[in-house]
C-alpha cells in the first residue's frame, strides 16, 4: 500500500511502519506521521534525500492533539 502513487500518506496507530527497506519506495507528496515513532531512525533521512521532494510532517506536530487528549484522559482516570 505504501508504494501506491498518492498525494498524502498518513502513518497512524502503528510504530516503525516506514523502515529502511521501504522508505525509498514511497510515491507520495506529503508524508504525515499520525503515530508515535512511525519511522525508524535509519529511514528518517531517506525521503529528504530524494529528488522528488516529499514534504514530511513529523509526529510531534501531526500527533500532538492525540497525545494531549490521551493525557487528559489519563488525568481524569486518576481522579
PDB file of N, CA and C in Angstrom:
ATOM      1  N   UNK A   1       0.813  -1.184   0.000  1.00  0.00           N
ATOM      2  CA  UNK A   1       0.000   0.000   0.000  1.00  0.00           C
ATOM      3  C   UNK A   1       0.870   1.268   0.000  1.00  0.00           C
ATOM      4  N   UNK A   2       2.005   1.239   0.668  1.00  0.00           N
ATOM      5  CA  UNK A   2       2.883   2.403   0.728  1.00  0.00           C
ATOM      6  C   UNK A   2       3.489   2.753  -0.625  1.00  0.00           C
ATOM      7  N   UNK A   3       3.473   1.825  -1.554  1.00  0.00           N
ATOM      8  CA  UNK A   3       4.076   2.039  -2.874  1.00  0.00           C
ATOM      9  C   UNK A   3       3.127   2.693  -3.874  1.00  0.00           C
ATOM     10  N   UNK A   4       1.874   2.888  -3.498  1.00  0.00           N
ATOM     11  CA  UNK A   4       0.879   3.462  -4.409  1.00  0.00           C
ATOM     12  C   UNK A   4       1.116   4.953  -4.613  1.00  0.00           C
ATOM     13  N   UNK A   5       0.916   5.427  -5.836  1.00  0.00           N
ATOM     14  CA  UNK A   5       1.005   6.852  -6.138  1.00  0.00           C
ATOM     15  C   UNK A   5      -0.159   7.565  -5.459  1.00  0.00           C
ATOM     16  N   UNK A   6       0.133   8.589  -4.652  1.00  0.00           N
ATOM     17  CA  UNK A   6      -0.917   9.329  -3.958  1.00  0.00           C
ATOM     18  C   UNK A   6      -0.405  10.706  -3.540  1.00  0.00           C
ATOM     19  N   UNK A   7      -1.295  11.521  -3.037  1.00  0.00           N
ATOM     20  CA  UNK A   7      -0.903  12.843  -2.560  1.00  0.00           C
ATOM     21  C   UNK A   7      -0.395  12.788  -1.125  1.00  0.00           C
ATOM     22  N   UNK A   8      -1.123  12.082  -0.244  1.00  0.00           N
ATOM     23  CA  UNK A   8      -0.793  12.066   1.180  1.00  0.00           C
ATOM     24  C   UNK A   8      -0.797  10.638   1.711  1.00  0.00           C
ATOM     25  N   UNK A   9       0.210  10.305   2.495  1.00  0.00           N
ATOM     26  CA  UNK A   9       0.226   9.067   3.271  1.00  0.00           C
ATOM     27  C   UNK A   9       0.250   9.476   4.731  1.00  0.00           C
ATOM     28  N   UNK A  10      -0.699   8.942   5.505  1.00  0.00           N
ATOM     29  CA  UNK A  10      -0.737   9.192   6.945  1.00  0.00           C
ATOM     30  C   UNK A  10      -0.394   7.881   7.636  1.00  0.00           C
ATOM     31  N   UNK A  11       0.706   7.889   8.335  1.00  0.00           N
ATOM     32  CA  UNK A  11       1.115   6.702   9.090  1.00  0.00           C
ATOM     33  C   UNK A  11       0.539   6.850  10.486  1.00  0.00           C
ATOM     34  N   UNK A  12      -0.464   6.059  10.820  1.00  0.00           N
ATOM     35  CA  UNK A  12      -1.162   6.224  12.090  1.00  0.00           C
ATOM     36  C   UNK A  12      -1.309   4.897  12.819  1.00  0.00           C
ATOM     37  N   UNK A  13      -1.255   4.968  14.144  1.00  0.00           N
ATOM     38  CA  UNK A  13      -1.557   3.864  15.061  1.00  0.00           C
ATOM     39  C   UNK A  13      -0.473   2.791  15.164  1.00  0.00           C
ATOM     40  N   UNK A  14       0.478   2.745  14.286  1.00  0.00           N
ATOM     41  CA  UNK A  14       1.495   1.702  14.347  1.00  0.00           C
ATOM     42  C   UNK A  14       2.886   2.327  14.271  1.00  0.00           C
ATOM     43  N   UNK A  15       3.764   1.898  15.160  1.00  0.00           N
ATOM     44  CA  UNK A  15       5.141   2.395  15.147  1.00  0.00           C
ATOM     45  C   UNK A  15       5.960   1.657  14.092  1.00  0.00           C
ATOM     46  N   UNK A  16       6.989   2.317  13.614  1.00  0.00           N
ATOM     47  CA  UNK A  16       8.001   1.743  12.713  1.00  0.00           C
ATOM     48  C   UNK A  16       7.419   1.175  11.411  1.00  0.00           C
ATOM     49  N   UNK A  17       6.453   1.868  10.825  1.00  0.00           N
ATOM     50  CA  UNK A  17       5.859   1.452   9.558  1.00  0.00           C
ATOM     51  C   UNK A  17       6.825   1.739   8.411  1.00  0.00           C
ATOM     52  N   UNK A  18       7.441   2.912   8.430  1.00  0.00           N
ATOM     53  CA  UNK A  18       8.412   3.280   7.399  1.00  0.00           C
ATOM     54  C   UNK A  18       9.784   2.865   7.897  1.00  0.00           C
ATOM     55  N   UNK A  19      10.399   1.919   7.206  1.00  0.00           N
ATOM     56  CA  UNK A  19      11.712   1.402   7.579  1.00  0.00           C
ATOM     57  C   UNK A  19      12.664   1.568   6.402  1.00  0.00           C
ATOM     58  N   UNK A  20      13.897   1.209   6.622  1.00  0.00           N
ATOM     59  CA  UNK A  20      14.912   1.341   5.572  1.00  0.00           C
ATOM     60  C   UNK A  20      14.537   0.568   4.314  1.00  0.00           C
ATOM     61  N   UNK A  21      13.863  -0.549   4.476  1.00  0.00           N
ATOM     62  CA  UNK A  21      13.520  -1.411   3.338  1.00  0.00           C
ATOM     63  C   UNK A  21      12.450  -0.815   2.433  1.00  0.00           C
ATOM     64  N   UNK A  22      11.588   0.096   2.957  1.00  0.00           N
ATOM     65  CA  UNK A  22      10.503   0.619   2.126  1.00  0.00           C
ATOM     66  C   UNK A  22      10.496   2.138   1.983  1.00  0.00           C
ATOM     67  N   UNK A  23      11.368   2.859   2.659  1.00  0.00           N
ATOM     68  CA  UNK A  23      11.361   4.330   2.606  1.00  0.00           C
ATOM     69  C   UNK A  23      11.665   4.857   1.205  1.00  0.00           C
ATOM     70  N   UNK A  24      12.514   4.191   0.471  1.00  0.00           N
ATOM     71  CA  UNK A  24      12.862   4.661  -0.873  1.00  0.00           C
ATOM     72  C   UNK A  24      11.760   4.368  -1.903  1.00  0.00           C
ATOM     73  N   UNK A  25      10.773   3.559  -1.541  1.00  0.00           N
ATOM     74  CA  UNK A  25       9.698   3.179  -2.459  1.00  0.00           C
ATOM     75  C   UNK A  25       8.474   4.083  -2.364  1.00  0.00           C
ATOM     76  N   UNK A  26       8.461   5.022  -1.418  1.00  0.00           N
ATOM     77  CA  UNK A  26       7.300   5.892  -1.238  1.00  0.00           C
ATOM     78  C   UNK A  26       7.057   6.737  -2.482  1.00  0.00           C
ATOM     79  N   UNK A  27       5.773   6.886  -2.869  1.00  0.00           N
ATOM     80  CA  UNK A  27       5.403   7.664  -4.064  1.00  0.00           C
ATOM     81  C   UNK A  27       4.320   8.672  -3.707  1.00  0.00           C
ATOM     82  N   UNK A  28       4.535   9.404  -2.614  1.00  0.00           N
ATOM     83  CA  UNK A  28       3.568  10.394  -2.173  1.00  0.00           C
ATOM     84  C   UNK A  28       4.204  11.783  -2.183  1.00  0.00           C
ATOM     85  N   UNK A  29       3.361  12.806  -2.046  1.00  0.00           N
ATOM     86  CA  UNK A  29       3.882  14.178  -1.975  1.00  0.00           C
ATOM     87  C   UNK A  29       3.996  14.649  -0.535  1.00  0.00           C
ATOM     88  N   UNK A  30       3.101  14.159   0.345  1.00  0.00           N
ATOM     89  CA  UNK A  30       3.113  14.530   1.757  1.00  0.00           C
ATOM     90  C   UNK A  30       3.111  13.258   2.591  1.00  0.00           C
ATOM     91  N   UNK A  31       3.979  13.222   3.594  1.00  0.00           N
ATOM     92  CA  UNK A  31       4.105  12.078   4.485  1.00  0.00           C
ATOM     93  C   UNK A  31       3.810  12.565   5.898  1.00  0.00           C
ATOM     94  N   UNK A  32       2.634  12.215   6.438  1.00  0.00           N
ATOM     95  CA  UNK A  32       2.206  12.691   7.749  1.00  0.00           C
ATOM     96  C   UNK A  32       2.307  11.572   8.777  1.00  0.00           C
ATOM     97  N   UNK A  33       2.875  11.912   9.928  1.00  0.00           N
ATOM     98  CA  UNK A  33       3.081  10.923  10.995  1.00  0.00           C
ATOM     99  C   UNK A  33       2.004  11.075  12.046  1.00  0.00           C
ATOM    100  N   UNK A  34       1.004  10.203  12.025  1.00  0.00           N
ATOM    101  CA  UNK A  34      -0.070  10.250  12.994  1.00  0.00           C
ATOM    102  C   UNK A  34       0.122   9.286  14.139  1.00  0.00           C
ATOM    103  N   UNK A  35       1.220   8.582  14.188  1.00  0.00           N
ATOM    104  CA  UNK A  35       1.532   7.650  15.268  1.00  0.00           C
ATOM    105  C   UNK A  35       2.792   8.123  15.978  1.00  0.00           C
ATOM    106  N   UNK A  36       3.070   7.532  17.112  1.00  0.00           N
ATOM    107  CA  UNK A  36       4.312   7.834  17.820  1.00  0.00           C
ATOM    108  C   UNK A  36       5.428   6.997  17.213  1.00  0.00           C
ATOM    109  N   UNK A  37       6.420   7.648  16.640  1.00  0.00           N
ATOM    110  CA  UNK A  37       7.567   6.944  16.070  1.00  0.00           C
ATOM    111  C   UNK A  37       7.244   6.040  14.907  1.00  0.00           C
ATOM    112  N   UNK A  38       6.506   6.506  13.887  1.00  0.00           N
ATOM    113  CA  UNK A  38       6.145   5.629  12.782  1.00  0.00           C
ATOM    114  C   UNK A  38       7.289   5.351  11.804  1.00  0.00           C
ATOM    115  N   UNK A  39       8.395   6.072  11.941  1.00  0.00           N
ATOM    116  CA  UNK A  39       9.544   5.898  11.053  1.00  0.00           C
ATOM    117  C   UNK A  39      10.759   5.492  11.862  1.00  0.00           C
ATOM    118  N   UNK A  40      11.488   4.496  11.391  1.00  0.00           N
ATOM    119  CA  UNK A  40      12.720   4.111  12.079  1.00  0.00           C
ATOM    120  C   UNK A  40      13.776   5.200  11.878  1.00  0.00           C
ATOM    121  N   UNK A  41      14.729   5.317  12.801  1.00  0.00           N
ATOM    122  CA  UNK A  41      15.771   6.340  12.651  1.00  0.00           C
ATOM    123  C   UNK A  41      16.555   6.212  11.341  1.00  0.00           C
ATOM    124  N   UNK A  42      16.820   5.006  10.892  1.00  0.00           N
ATOM    125  CA  UNK A  42      17.568   4.788   9.652  1.00  0.00           C
ATOM    126  C   UNK A  42      16.796   5.272   8.426  1.00  0.00           C
ATOM    127  N   UNK A  43      15.496   5.157   8.461  1.00  0.00           N
ATOM    128  CA  UNK A  43      14.669   5.532   7.315  1.00  0.00           C
ATOM    129  C   UNK A  43      14.293   7.010   7.319  1.00  0.00           C
ATOM    130  N   UNK A  44      14.500   7.705   8.409  1.00  0.00           N
ATOM    131  CA  UNK A  44      14.068   9.087   8.533  1.00  0.00           C
ATOM    132  C   UNK A  44      14.657  10.041   7.513  1.00  0.00           C
ATOM    133  N   UNK A  45      15.900   9.830   7.119  1.00  0.00           N
ATOM    134  CA  UNK A  45      16.570  10.744   6.192  1.00  0.00           C
ATOM    135  C   UNK A  45      16.334  10.395   4.725  1.00  0.00           C
ATOM    136  N   UNK A  46      15.857   9.224   4.433  1.00  0.00           N
ATOM    137  CA  UNK A  46      15.723   8.779   3.034  1.00  0.00           C
ATOM    138  C   UNK A  46      14.773   9.646   2.219  1.00  0.00           C
ATOM    139  N   UNK A  47      13.546   9.949   2.687  1.00  0.00           N
ATOM    140  CA  UNK A  47      12.662  10.798   1.874  1.00  0.00           C
ATOM    141  C   UNK A  47      13.250  12.190   1.605  1.00  0.00           C
ATOM    142  N   UNK A  48      13.992  12.743   2.539  1.00  0.00           N
ATOM    143  CA  UNK A  48      14.587  14.075   2.363  1.00  0.00           C
ATOM    144  C   UNK A  48      15.691  14.080   1.310  1.00  0.00           C
ATOM    145  N   UNK A  49      16.326  12.944   1.062  1.00  0.00           N
ATOM    146  CA  UNK A  49      17.429  12.840   0.106  1.00  0.00           C
ATOM    147  C   UNK A  49      16.955  12.648  -1.331  1.00  0.00           C
ATOM    148  N   UNK A  50      15.682  12.370  -1.518  1.00  0.00           N
ATOM    149  CA  UNK A  50      15.171  12.095  -2.865  1.00  0.00           C
ATOM    150  C   UNK A  50      14.972  13.363  -3.659  1.00  0.00           C
ATOM    151  N   UNK A  51      15.051  13.247  -4.963  1.00  0.00           N
ATOM    152  CA  UNK A  51      14.873  14.388  -5.871  1.00  0.00           C
ATOM    153  C   UNK A  51      13.442  14.890  -5.931  1.00  0.00           C
ATOM    154  N   UNK A  52      12.478  13.991  -5.790  1.00  0.00           N
ATOM    155  CA  UNK A  52      11.081  14.376  -5.960  1.00  0.00           C
ATOM    156  C   UNK A  52      10.477  15.038  -4.725  1.00  0.00           C
ATOM    157  N   UNK A  53      11.273  15.290  -3.712  1.00  0.00           N
ATOM    158  CA  UNK A  53      10.881  16.073  -2.542  1.00  0.00           C
ATOM    159  C   UNK A  53       9.551  15.647  -1.933  1.00  0.00           C
ATOM    160  N   UNK A  54       9.629  14.889  -0.881  1.00  0.00           N
ATOM    161  CA  UNK A  54       8.452  14.520  -0.101  1.00  0.00           C
ATOM    162  C   UNK A  54       8.406  15.456   1.104  1.00  0.00           C
ATOM    163  N   UNK A  55       7.270  16.133   1.290  1.00  0.00           N
ATOM    164  CA  UNK A  55       7.091  17.011   2.444  1.00  0.00           C
ATOM    165  C   UNK A  55       6.662  16.150   3.618  1.00  0.00           C
ATOM    166  N   UNK A  56       7.453  16.132   4.677  1.00  0.00           N
ATOM    167  CA  UNK A  56       7.176  15.291   5.844  1.00  0.00           C
ATOM    168  C   UNK A  56       6.661  16.138   7.001  1.00  0.00           C
ATOM    169  N   UNK A  57       5.543  15.722   7.581  1.00  0.00           N
ATOM    170  CA  UNK A  57       5.012  16.350   8.792  1.00  0.00           C
ATOM    171  C   UNK A  57       5.363  15.409   9.946  1.00  0.00           C
ATOM    172  N   UNK A  58       6.242  15.820  10.850  1.00  0.00           N
ATOM    173  CA  UNK A  58       6.697  14.917  11.910  1.00  0.00           C
ATOM    174  C   UNK A  58       5.618  14.610  12.944  1.00  0.00           C
ATOM    175  N   UNK A  59       5.823  13.508  13.677  1.00  0.00           N
ATOM    176  CA  UNK A  59       4.838  13.069  14.665  1.00  0.00           C
ATOM    177  C   UNK A  59       4.635  14.078  15.787  1.00  0.00           C
ATOM    178  N   UNK A  60       5.626  14.854  16.127  1.00  0.00           N
ATOM    179  CA  UNK A  60       5.477  15.842  17.201  1.00  0.00           C
ATOM    180  C   UNK A  60       4.427  16.897  16.840  1.00  0.00           C
ATOM    181  N   UNK A  61       4.234  17.166  15.553  1.00  0.00           N
ATOM    182  CA  UNK A  61       3.215  18.123  15.111  1.00  0.00           C
ATOM    183  C   UNK A  61       1.905  17.429  14.751  1.00  0.00           C
ATOM    184  N   UNK A  62       2.005  16.372  14.001  1.00  0.00           N
ATOM    185  CA  UNK A  62       0.814  15.719  13.458  1.00  0.00           C
ATOM    186  C   UNK A  62       0.029  14.948  14.529  1.00  0.00           C
ATOM    187  N   UNK A  63       0.696  14.469  15.553  1.00  0.00           N
ATOM    188  CA  UNK A  63       0.062  13.637  16.567  1.00  0.00           C
ATOM    189  C   UNK A  63      -0.118  14.379  17.888  1.00  0.00           C
ATOM    190  N   UNK A  64       0.179  15.652  17.937  1.00  0.00           N
ATOM    191  CA  UNK A  64       0.127  16.408  19.186  1.00  0.00           C
ATOM    192  C   UNK A  64      -1.272  16.416  19.805  1.00  0.00           C
ATOM    193  N   UNK A  65      -2.305  16.574  18.998  1.00  0.00           N
ATOM    194  CA  UNK A  65      -3.671  16.592  19.524  1.00  0.00           C
ATOM    195  C   UNK A  65      -4.051  15.287  20.196  1.00  0.00           C
ATOM    196  N   UNK A  66      -3.679  14.179  19.587  1.00  0.00           N
ATOM    197  CA  UNK A  66      -3.973  12.870  20.170  1.00  0.00           C
ATOM    198  C   UNK A  66      -3.254  12.656  21.486  1.00  0.00           C
ATOM    199  N   UNK A  67      -2.037  13.139  21.580  1.00  0.00           N
ATOM    200  CA  UNK A  67      -1.280  12.993  22.816  1.00  0.00           C
ATOM    201  C   UNK A  67      -1.874  13.854  23.930  1.00  0.00           C
ATOM    202  N   UNK A  68      -2.325  15.041  23.591  1.00  0.00           N
ATOM    203  CA  UNK A  68      -2.938  15.916  24.597  1.00  0.00           C
ATOM    204  C   UNK A  68      -4.226  15.289  25.136  1.00  0.00           C
ATOM    205  N   UNK A  69      -5.048  14.758  24.250  1.00  0.00           N
ATOM    206  CA  UNK A  69      -6.294  14.120  24.683  1.00  0.00           C
ATOM    207  C   UNK A  69      -5.985  12.888  25.533  1.00  0.00           C
ATOM    208  N   UNK A  70      -4.979  12.108  25.165  1.00  0.00           N
ATOM    209  CA  UNK A  70      -4.587  10.946  25.971  1.00  0.00           C
ATOM    210  C   UNK A  70      -4.156  11.373  27.364  1.00  0.00           C
ATOM    211  N   UNK A  71      -3.438  12.470  27.443  1.00  0.00           N
ATOM    212  CA  UNK A  71      -3.013  12.993  28.740  1.00  0.00           C
ATOM    213  C   UNK A  71      -4.228  13.386  29.587  1.00  0.00           C
ATOM    214  N   UNK A  72      -5.188  14.088  28.994  1.00  0.00           N
ATOM    215  CA  UNK A  72      -6.381  14.486  29.738  1.00  0.00           C
ATOM    216  C   UNK A  72      -7.182  13.267  30.196  1.00  0.00           C
ATOM    217  N   UNK A  73      -7.271  12.243  29.363  1.00  0.00           N
ATOM    218  CA  UNK A  73      -7.955  11.007  29.765  1.00  0.00           C
ATOM    219  C   UNK A  73      -7.251  10.366  30.955  1.00  0.00           C
ATOM    220  N   UNK A  74      -5.942  10.352  30.925  1.00  0.00           N
ATOM    221  CA  UNK A  74      -5.150   9.771  31.999  1.00  0.00           C
ATOM    222  C   UNK A  74      -5.385  10.541  33.311  1.00  0.00           C
ATOM    223  N   UNK A  75      -5.363  11.889  33.236  1.00  0.00           N
ATOM    224  CA  UNK A  75      -5.601  12.714  34.406  1.00  0.00           C
ATOM    225  C   UNK A  75      -7.001  12.469  34.975  1.00  0.00           C
ATOM    226  N   UNK A  76      -7.988  12.371  34.073  1.00  0.00           N
ATOM    227  CA  UNK A  76      -9.362  12.125  34.525  1.00  0.00           C
ATOM    228  C   UNK A  76      -9.474  10.765  35.215  1.00  0.00           C
ATOM    229  N   UNK A  77      -8.796   9.750  34.678  1.00  0.00           N
ATOM    230  CA  UNK A  77      -8.834   8.420  35.292  1.00  0.00           C
ATOM    231  C   UNK A  77      -8.195   8.430  36.677  1.00  0.00           C
ATOM    232  N   UNK A  78      -7.147   9.245  36.860  1.00  0.00           N
ATOM    233  CA  UNK A  78      -6.501   9.324  38.169  1.00  0.00           C
ATOM    234  C   UNK A  78      -7.405   9.950  39.215  1.00  0.00           C
ATOM    235  N   UNK A  79      -8.316  10.811  38.787  1.00  0.00           N
ATOM    236  CA  UNK A  79      -9.217  11.473  39.733  1.00  0.00           C
ATOM    237  C   UNK A  79     -10.404  10.598  39.966  1.00  0.00           C
TER     238      UNK A  79
END
